[in-house]
C-alpha atoms as a PDB file:
ATOM      1  CA  MET A   1       0.000   0.000   0.000  1.00  0.00           C
ATOM      2  CA  THR A   2       1.320   3.399  -0.974  1.00  0.00           C
ATOM      3  CA  THR A   3       1.711   6.285   1.452  1.00  0.00           C
ATOM      4  CA  SER A   4      -1.179   8.156  -0.119  1.00  0.00           C
ATOM      5  CA  SER A   5      -3.402   5.081   0.127  1.00  0.00           C
ATOM      6  CA  ARG A   6      -2.565   4.685   3.809  1.00  0.00           C
ATOM      7  CA  ARG A   7      -3.460   8.351   4.376  1.00  0.00           C
ATOM      8  CA  VAL A   8      -6.857   7.803   2.749  1.00  0.00           C
ATOM      9  CA  VAL A   9      -7.563   4.751   4.930  1.00  0.00           C
ATOM     10  CA  VAL A  10      -6.563   6.621   8.095  1.00  0.00           C
ATOM     11  CA  ALA A  11      -8.721   9.594   7.155  1.00  0.00           C
ATOM     12  CA  VAL A  12     -11.734   7.356   6.474  1.00  0.00           C
ATOM     13  CA  THR A  13     -11.195   5.534   9.752  1.00  0.00           C
ATOM     14  CA  VAL A  14     -11.036   8.783  11.724  1.00  0.00           C
ATOM     15  CA  VAL A  15     -14.224  10.061  10.115  1.00  0.00           C
ATOM     16  CA  ALA A  16     -15.986   6.761  10.823  1.00  0.00           C
ATOM     17  CA  CYS A  17     -14.944   6.869  14.450  1.00  0.00           C
ATOM     18  CA  MET A  18     -16.154  10.440  14.781  1.00  0.00           C
ATOM     19  CA  LEU A  19     -19.528   9.522  13.309  1.00  0.00           C
ATOM     20  CA  LEU A  20     -19.777   6.511  15.618  1.00  0.00           C
ATOM     21  CA  LEU A  21     -19.068   8.627  18.676  1.00  0.00           C
ATOM     22  CA  ALA A  22     -21.559  11.227  17.536  1.00  0.00           C
ATOM     23  CA  GLY A  23     -24.168   8.535  17.128  1.00  0.00           C
ATOM     24  CA  CYS A  24     -23.498   7.291  20.640  1.00  0.00           C
ATOM     25  CA  ALA A  25     -23.735  10.728  22.187  1.00  0.00           C
ATOM     26  CA  GLU A  26     -26.696  11.193  24.466  1.00  0.00           C
ATOM     27  CA  ALA A  27     -29.658  12.749  22.689  1.00  0.00           C
ATOM     28  CA  PRO A  28     -31.198  15.880  24.170  1.00  0.00           C
ATOM     29  CA  ALA A  29     -33.969  15.107  26.666  1.00  0.00           C
ATOM     30  CA  LEU A  30     -37.433  15.381  25.188  1.00  0.00           C
ATOM     31  CA  ASP A  31     -39.793  18.003  26.567  1.00  0.00           C
ATOM     32  CA  PRO A  32     -43.255  16.434  27.020  1.00  0.00           C
ATOM     33  CA  LEU A  33     -44.890  19.847  27.452  1.00  0.00           C
ATOM     34  CA  GLY A  34     -43.292  22.241  24.990  1.00  0.00           C
ATOM     35  CA  PRO A  35     -43.016  26.010  25.543  1.00  0.00           C
ATOM     36  CA  GLN A  36     -46.564  26.863  24.449  1.00  0.00           C
ATOM     37  CA  ARG A  37     -48.311  24.349  26.715  1.00  0.00           C
ATOM     38  CA  ARG A  38     -45.937  25.192  29.574  1.00  0.00           C
ATOM     39  CA  GLU A  39     -46.897  28.874  29.309  1.00  0.00           C
ATOM     40  CA  GLN A  40     -50.605  27.983  29.201  1.00  0.00           C
ATOM     41  CA  ILE A  41     -50.325  25.910  32.372  1.00  0.00           C
ATOM     42  CA  ARG A  42     -48.260  28.582  34.081  1.00  0.00           C
ATOM     43  CA  GLN A  43     -50.767  31.320  33.231  1.00  0.00           C
ATOM     44  CA  SER A  44     -53.725  29.203  34.341  1.00  0.00           C
ATOM     45  CA  ILE A  45     -52.116  28.596  37.722  1.00  0.00           C
ATOM     46  CA  LEU A  46     -51.312  32.290  38.136  1.00  0.00           C
ATOM     47  CA  ASP A  47     -54.862  33.306  37.219  1.00  0.00           C
ATOM     48  CA  ILE A  48     -56.581  30.868  39.544  1.00  0.00           C
ATOM     49  CA  HIS A  49     -54.454  31.924  42.518  1.00  0.00           C
ATOM     50  CA  TRP A  50     -54.849  35.629  41.768  1.00  0.00           C
ATOM     51  CA  ALA A  51     -58.626  35.182  41.593  1.00  0.00           C
ATOM     52  CA  ASP A  52     -58.553  34.424  45.314  1.00  0.00           C
ATOM     53  CA  VAL A  53     -57.037  37.858  45.916  1.00  0.00           C
ATOM     54  CA  VAL A  54     -59.153  40.048  43.618  1.00  0.00           C
ATOM     55  CA  LYS A  55     -62.444  38.655  44.882  1.00  0.00           C
ATOM     56  CA  ASP A  56     -61.808  40.712  48.039  1.00  0.00           C
ATOM     57  CA  TYR A  57     -59.406  43.298  46.600  1.00  0.00           C
ATOM     58  CA  PRO A  58     -60.480  43.989  42.985  1.00  0.00           C
ATOM     59  CA  ASP A  59     -58.067  46.930  42.607  1.00  0.00           C
ATOM     60  CA  ALA A  60     -54.999  45.083  43.887  1.00  0.00           C
ATOM     61  CA  LEU A  61     -51.814  45.265  41.816  1.00  0.00           C
ATOM     62  CA  ARG A  62     -50.682  41.836  40.686  1.00  0.00           C
ATOM     63  CA  PRO A  63     -47.091  40.972  41.701  1.00  0.00           C
ATOM     64  CA  GLU A  64     -44.673  39.273  39.327  1.00  0.00           C
ATOM     65  CA  VAL A  65     -44.008  35.545  39.865  1.00  0.00           C
ATOM     66  CA  PRO A  66     -40.903  34.735  37.801  1.00  0.00           C
ATOM     67  CA  ALA A  67     -40.232  31.381  39.462  1.00  0.00           C
ATOM     68  CA  MET A  68     -42.739  28.530  39.428  1.00  0.00           C
ATOM     69  CA  ARG A  69     -41.362  25.194  40.545  1.00  0.00           C
ATOM     70  CA  PRO A  70     -43.918  22.550  41.506  1.00  0.00           C
ATOM     71  CA  VAL A  71     -43.412  20.705  44.780  1.00  0.00           C
ATOM     72  CA  THR A  72     -44.917  17.494  46.061  1.00  0.00           C
ATOM     73  CA  ASP A  73     -48.254  17.654  47.840  1.00  0.00           C
ATOM     74  CA  HIS A  74     -46.492  16.523  50.999  1.00  0.00           C
ATOM     75  CA  ASP A  75     -44.014  19.416  50.874  1.00  0.00           C
ATOM     76  CA  GLN A  76     -46.166  22.234  49.531  1.00  0.00           C
ATOM     77  CA  ARG A  77     -47.690  23.527  52.737  1.00  0.00           C
ATOM     78  CA  GLU A  78     -44.338  23.757  54.491  1.00  0.00           C
ATOM     79  CA  VAL A  79     -42.694  25.352  51.442  1.00  0.00           C
ATOM     80  CA  VAL A  80     -45.373  28.068  51.283  1.00  0.00           C
ATOM     81  CA  PHE A  81     -45.194  28.661  55.024  1.00  0.00           C
ATOM     82  CA  THR A  82     -41.410  29.037  54.857  1.00  0.00           C
ATOM     83  CA  CYS A  83     -41.793  31.447  51.925  1.00  0.00           C
ATOM     84  CA  LEU A  84     -44.252  33.609  53.879  1.00  0.00           C
ATOM     85  CA  ARG A  85     -42.019  33.787  56.915  1.00  0.00           C
ATOM     86  CA  ALA A  86     -38.971  34.547  54.759  1.00  0.00           C
ATOM     87  CA  SER A  87     -40.925  37.432  53.206  1.00  0.00           C
ATOM     88  CA  GLY A  88     -41.504  38.962  56.618  1.00  0.00           C
ATOM     89  CA  ILE A  89     -45.127  37.836  56.952  1.00  0.00           C
ATOM     90  CA  PRO A  90     -45.857  36.661  60.524  1.00  0.00           C
ATOM     91  CA  ALA A  91     -48.075  33.791  59.410  1.00  0.00           C
ATOM     92  CA  SER A  92     -49.030  30.789  61.488  1.00  0.00           C
ATOM     93  CA  ARG A  93     -50.312  27.385  60.438  1.00  0.00           C
ATOM     94  CA  THR A  94     -53.975  26.387  60.664  1.00  0.00           C
ATOM     95  CA  ASP A  95     -55.799  23.162  59.838  1.00  0.00           C
ATOM     96  CA  ASN A  96     -56.814  24.579  56.443  1.00  0.00           C
ATOM     97  CA  GLY A  97     -53.733  26.591  55.555  1.00  0.00           C
ATOM     98  CA  PHE A  98     -52.315  29.761  57.095  1.00  0.00           C
ATOM     99  CA  ARG A  99     -53.432  32.610  59.279  1.00  0.00           C
ATOM    100  CA  TYR A 100     -52.018  36.123  59.175  1.00  0.00           C
ATOM    101  CA  ASN A 101     -50.812  37.600  62.435  1.00  0.00           C
ATOM    102  CA  SER A 102     -50.743  41.398  62.117  1.00  0.00           C
ATOM    103  CA  SER A 103     -48.108  41.957  64.799  1.00  0.00           C
ATOM    104  CA  LEU A 104     -45.684  43.577  62.348  1.00  0.00           C
ATOM    105  CA  GLY A 105     -48.172  45.998  60.861  1.00  0.00           C
ATOM    106  CA  GLN A 106     -48.691  44.550  57.365  1.00  0.00           C
ATOM    107  CA  SER A 107     -52.176  44.894  55.959  1.00  0.00           C
ATOM    108  CA  GLN A 108     -54.378  41.963  55.062  1.00  0.00           C
ATOM    109  CA  LEU A 109     -53.873  42.843  51.397  1.00  0.00           C
ATOM    110  CA  GLU A 110     -50.089  42.638  51.814  1.00  0.00           C
ATOM    111  CA  PHE A 111     -50.537  39.204  53.326  1.00  0.00           C
ATOM    112  CA  GLU A 112     -52.845  38.039  50.522  1.00  0.00           C
ATOM    113  CA  ALA A 113     -50.489  39.347  47.819  1.00  0.00           C
ATOM    114  CA  GLU A 114     -47.482  37.651  49.408  1.00  0.00           C
ATOM    115  CA  LYS A 115     -49.433  34.431  49.870  1.00  0.00           C
ATOM    116  CA  TYR A 116     -50.306  34.589  46.168  1.00  0.00           C
ATOM    117  CA  VAL A 117     -46.616  34.841  45.259  1.00  0.00           C
ATOM    118  CA  CYS A 118     -45.611  32.010  47.590  1.00  0.00           C
ATOM    119  CA  GLU A 119     -48.408  29.649  46.529  1.00  0.00           C
ATOM    120  CA  ALA A 120     -48.109  30.386  42.807  1.00  0.00           C
ATOM    121  CA  SER A 121     -44.336  30.014  42.824  1.00  0.00           C
ATOM    122  CA  SER A 122     -44.625  26.569  44.454  1.00  0.00           C
ATOM    123  CA  PRO A 123     -47.817  24.940  43.156  1.00  0.00           C
ATOM    124  CA  SER A 124     -48.562  21.437  44.356  1.00  0.00           C
ATOM    125  CA  GLU A 125     -47.861  18.431  42.185  1.00  0.00           C
ATOM    126  CA  SER A 126     -51.555  17.518  42.046  1.00  0.00           C
ATOM    127  CA  GLU A 127     -52.476  21.020  40.869  1.00  0.00           C
ATOM    128  CA  VAL A 128     -49.957  20.888  38.014  1.00  0.00           C
ATOM    129  CA  VAL A 129     -50.827  17.301  37.086  1.00  0.00           C
ATOM    130  CA  SER A 130     -54.478  18.317  36.695  1.00  0.00           C
ATOM    131  CA  TYR A 131     -53.387  20.294  33.607  1.00  0.00           C
ATOM    132  CA  LEU A 132     -51.392  17.481  32.011  1.00  0.00           C
ATOM    133  CA  SER A 133     -52.576  15.544  28.979  1.00  0.00           C
ATOM    134  CA  GLY A 134     -52.357  11.776  28.659  1.00  0.00           C
ATOM    135  CA  SER A 135     -48.916  11.849  27.028  1.00  0.00           C
ATOM    136  CA  SER A 136     -47.524  14.235  29.647  1.00  0.00           C
ATOM    137  CA  ARG A 137     -48.950  12.127  32.451  1.00  0.00           C
ATOM    138  CA  ALA A 138     -47.363   9.097  30.841  1.00  0.00           C
ATOM    139  CA  ALA A 139     -44.013  10.887  30.789  1.00  0.00           C
ATOM    140  CA  LEU A 140     -44.370  11.783  34.465  1.00  0.00           C
ATOM    141  CA  PHE A 141     -45.339   8.209  35.313  1.00  0.00           C
ATOM    142  CA  ASP A 142     -42.334   6.893  33.395  1.00  0.00           C
ATOM    143  CA  TYR A 143     -40.061   9.289  35.285  1.00  0.00           C
ATOM    144  CA  GLN A 144     -41.454   8.116  38.610  1.00  0.00           C
ATOM    145  CA  ARG A 145     -41.270   4.406  37.864  1.00  0.00           C
ATOM    146  CA  LYS A 146     -38.022   4.341  35.837  1.00  0.00           C
ATOM    147  CA  ILE A 147     -36.020   7.013  37.656  1.00  0.00           C
ATOM    148  CA  VAL A 148     -37.446   7.814  41.095  1.00  0.00           C
ATOM    149  CA  ARG A 149     -38.421   4.344  42.316  1.00  0.00           C
ATOM    150  CA  PRO A 150     -35.154   2.589  41.293  1.00  0.00           C
ATOM    151  CA  CYS A 151     -33.250   5.475  42.878  1.00  0.00           C
ATOM    152  CA  LEU A 152     -35.136   5.074  46.156  1.00  0.00           C
ATOM    153  CA  LEU A 153     -34.630   1.325  46.152  1.00  0.00           C
ATOM    154  CA  SER A 154     -30.901   1.822  45.601  1.00  0.00           C
ATOM    155  CA  THR A 155     -30.749   3.829  48.833  1.00  0.00           C
ATOM    156  CA  GLY A 156     -32.359   0.983  50.750  1.00  0.00           C
ATOM    157  CA  ALA A 157     -35.709   2.739  51.060  1.00  0.00           C
ATOM    158  CA  LYS A 158     -39.010   0.985  50.437  1.00  0.00           C
ATOM    159  CA  SER A 159     -41.021   1.988  47.388  1.00  0.00           C
ATOM    160  CA  PRO A 160     -44.195   0.250  46.187  1.00  0.00           C
ATOM    161  CA  ALA A 161     -44.439  -1.244  42.724  1.00  0.00           C
ATOM    162  CA  PRO A 162     -46.342   0.972  40.279  1.00  0.00           C
ATOM    163  CA  PRO A 163     -49.726   0.002  38.854  1.00  0.00           C
ATOM    164  CA  ASP A 164     -49.670  -1.704  35.501  1.00  0.00           C
ATOM    165  CA  GLY A 165     -52.595  -1.092  33.222  1.00  0.00           C
ATOM    166  CA  GLY A 166     -51.312   0.383  29.979  1.00  0.00           C
ATOM    167  CA  PRO A 167     -51.771   3.899  28.575  1.00  0.00           C
ATOM    168  CA  ALA A 168     -55.423   4.143  29.645  1.00  0.00           C
ATOM    169  CA  TYR A 169     -54.234   3.853  33.223  1.00  0.00           C
ATOM    170  CA  TYR A 170     -52.512   7.237  33.075  1.00  0.00           C
ATOM    171  CA  GLN A 171     -55.827   9.029  33.570  1.00  0.00           C
ATOM    172  CA  SER A 172     -57.142   6.719  36.300  1.00  0.00           C
ATOM    173  CA  SER A 173     -57.620   7.396  39.982  1.00  0.00           C
ATOM    174  CA  ALA A 174     -55.566   4.287  40.749  1.00  0.00           C
ATOM    175  CA  LEU A 175     -52.515   5.849  39.102  1.00  0.00           C
ATOM    176  CA  ALA A 176     -53.097   9.130  40.923  1.00  0.00           C
ATOM    177  CA  ALA A 177     -53.066   7.183  44.187  1.00  0.00           C
ATOM    178  CA  TRP A 178     -49.615   5.703  43.492  1.00  0.00           C
ATOM    179  CA  ASP A 179     -46.484   7.517  44.562  1.00  0.00           C
ATOM    180  CA  PRO A 180     -42.967   6.050  44.738  1.00  0.00           C
ATOM    181  CA  TYR A 181     -42.573   7.931  48.035  1.00  0.00           C
ATOM    182  CA  MET A 182     -45.797   6.675  49.628  1.00  0.00           C
ATOM    183  CA  GLN A 183     -44.198   4.043  51.885  1.00  0.00           C
ATOM    184  CA  ILE A 184     -41.539   6.477  53.042  1.00  0.00           C
ATOM    185  CA  LEU A 185     -44.135   9.129  53.911  1.00  0.00           C
ATOM    186  CA  ALA A 186     -46.436   6.571  55.574  1.00  0.00           C
ATOM    187  CA  ALA A 187     -43.679   5.921  58.110  1.00  0.00           C
ATOM    188  CA  LYS A 188     -43.876   9.630  59.152  1.00  0.00           C
ATOM    189  CA  PRO A 189     -40.159  10.301  58.759  1.00  0.00           C
ATOM    190  CA  ARG A 190     -38.353  13.384  60.001  1.00  0.00           C
ATOM    191  CA  SER A 191     -38.315  16.345  57.634  1.00  0.00           C
ATOM    192  CA  ARG A 192     -34.561  16.107  57.173  1.00  0.00           C
ATOM    193  CA  ASP A 193     -34.879  12.448  56.136  1.00  0.00           C
ATOM    194  CA  VAL A 194     -37.478  13.336  53.489  1.00  0.00           C
ATOM    195  CA  ALA A 195     -35.232  16.172  52.304  1.00  0.00           C
ATOM    196  CA  TYR A 196     -32.333  13.705  52.000  1.00  0.00           C
ATOM    197  CA  PHE A 197     -34.317  11.313  49.823  1.00  0.00           C
ATOM    198  CA  GLU A 198     -35.721  14.128  47.678  1.00  0.00           C
ATOM    199  CA  GLN A 199     -32.237  15.476  47.076  1.00  0.00           C
ATOM    200  CA  ARG A 200     -30.981  12.034  46.089  1.00  0.00           C
ATOM    201  CA  CYS A 201     -34.081  11.089  44.098  1.00  0.00           C
ATOM    202  CA  PRO A 202     -35.992  14.215  42.960  1.00  0.00           C
ATOM    203  CA  PRO A 203     -39.693  13.288  42.960  1.00  0.00           C
ATOM    204  CA  LEU A 204     -40.543  15.593  40.038  1.00  0.00           C
ATOM    205  CA  PRO A 205     -38.801  15.853  36.649  1.00  0.00           C
ATOM    206  CA  PRO A 206     -37.014  19.034  35.499  1.00  0.00           C
ATOM    207  CA  TRP A 207     -39.449  19.534  32.622  1.00  0.00           C
ATOM    208  CA  LEU A 208     -42.232  20.384  35.106  1.00  0.00           C
ATOM    209  CA  ASP A 209     -40.411  23.591  36.010  1.00  0.00           C
ATOM    210  CA  LEU A 210     -42.759  26.404  34.938  1.00  0.00           C
ATOM    211  CA  SER A 211     -40.448  29.326  35.686  1.00  0.00           C
ATOM    212  CA  THR A 212     -40.080  32.122  33.158  1.00  0.00           C
ATOM    213  CA  ALA A 213     -36.383  31.256  32.739  1.00  0.00           C
ATOM    214  CA  GLU A 214     -37.349  27.706  31.843  1.00  0.00           C
ATOM    215  CA  LEU A 215     -39.914  29.004  29.360  1.00  0.00           C
ATOM    216  CA  SER A 216     -37.190  31.045  27.676  1.00  0.00           C
ATOM    217  CA  ARG A 217     -34.883  28.025  27.465  1.00  0.00           C
ATOM    218  CA  ALA A 218     -37.653  25.769  26.162  1.00  0.00           C
ATOM    219  CA  SER A 219     -38.553  28.208  23.393  1.00  0.00           C
ATOM    220  CA  LYS A 220     -34.978  28.038  22.099  1.00  0.00           C
ATOM    221  CA  ARG A 221     -34.823  24.249  21.873  1.00  0.00           C
END
C-alpha cells in the first residue's frame, strides 16, 4: 500500500470513528410539554391563585411571579409557610392553611399578595398534574417508575411497585393514588430524612419547572 493510500484509509477511519461517537452521544432530553403548553399551564395557575385575591381586593396590583417550581403535595404547605415567613409575613399554620398575624403591621392585602406569590411560585404536584394531557402524564409516570423508584430502592428505602394497566391507566384514579414515596411518607419520617431522599431522588422531573427562565430556554430548543 502506498503512502497516499494509507493516508486515505486513516482519514476514512477517523471520520468513521467520529460519526460513531456522535451517534453514541446522548440525545437531548425530550420536553413532554413544549413552551406553548408550559406557558398555558403557568398562566392558568397564576390566574386561579390571583382570583382568590381580587375577589376581596379587585383593585390590587398583581405581583410578578418569575419562578414557578412545583413541589410534592407533601411538601407544599411547608414550602409556602417558609416562603411567607422569609418574606416577613408573621403567618401561622392552621388546619386549612395559614393565618395572618398582624403583629408587624402589614395589611391583610399585603398578606394576601405575598401568599399569592408564595403559593403560585410553588404549586402542588396535584395542581400541576391536573393540567397534564395523557402523554404528559405518561411521561411523568415513566419518570417516577423508571427514575425515582429505582433510585429510592438503591438507597435501601421501600417503594411500592407501580400500577400496571397500559396507557389508559394514566388518567385513572388508581394511578393518581400511586407515589414512589408513599411508603416512606407513611412511616412519618423526620423532615430532614425526606429532604435527604428528595435530594438524592428528585420526585418531580425538570421539565415540570414552569419558571419564566425555563420558558425562555424551552422556546430556544
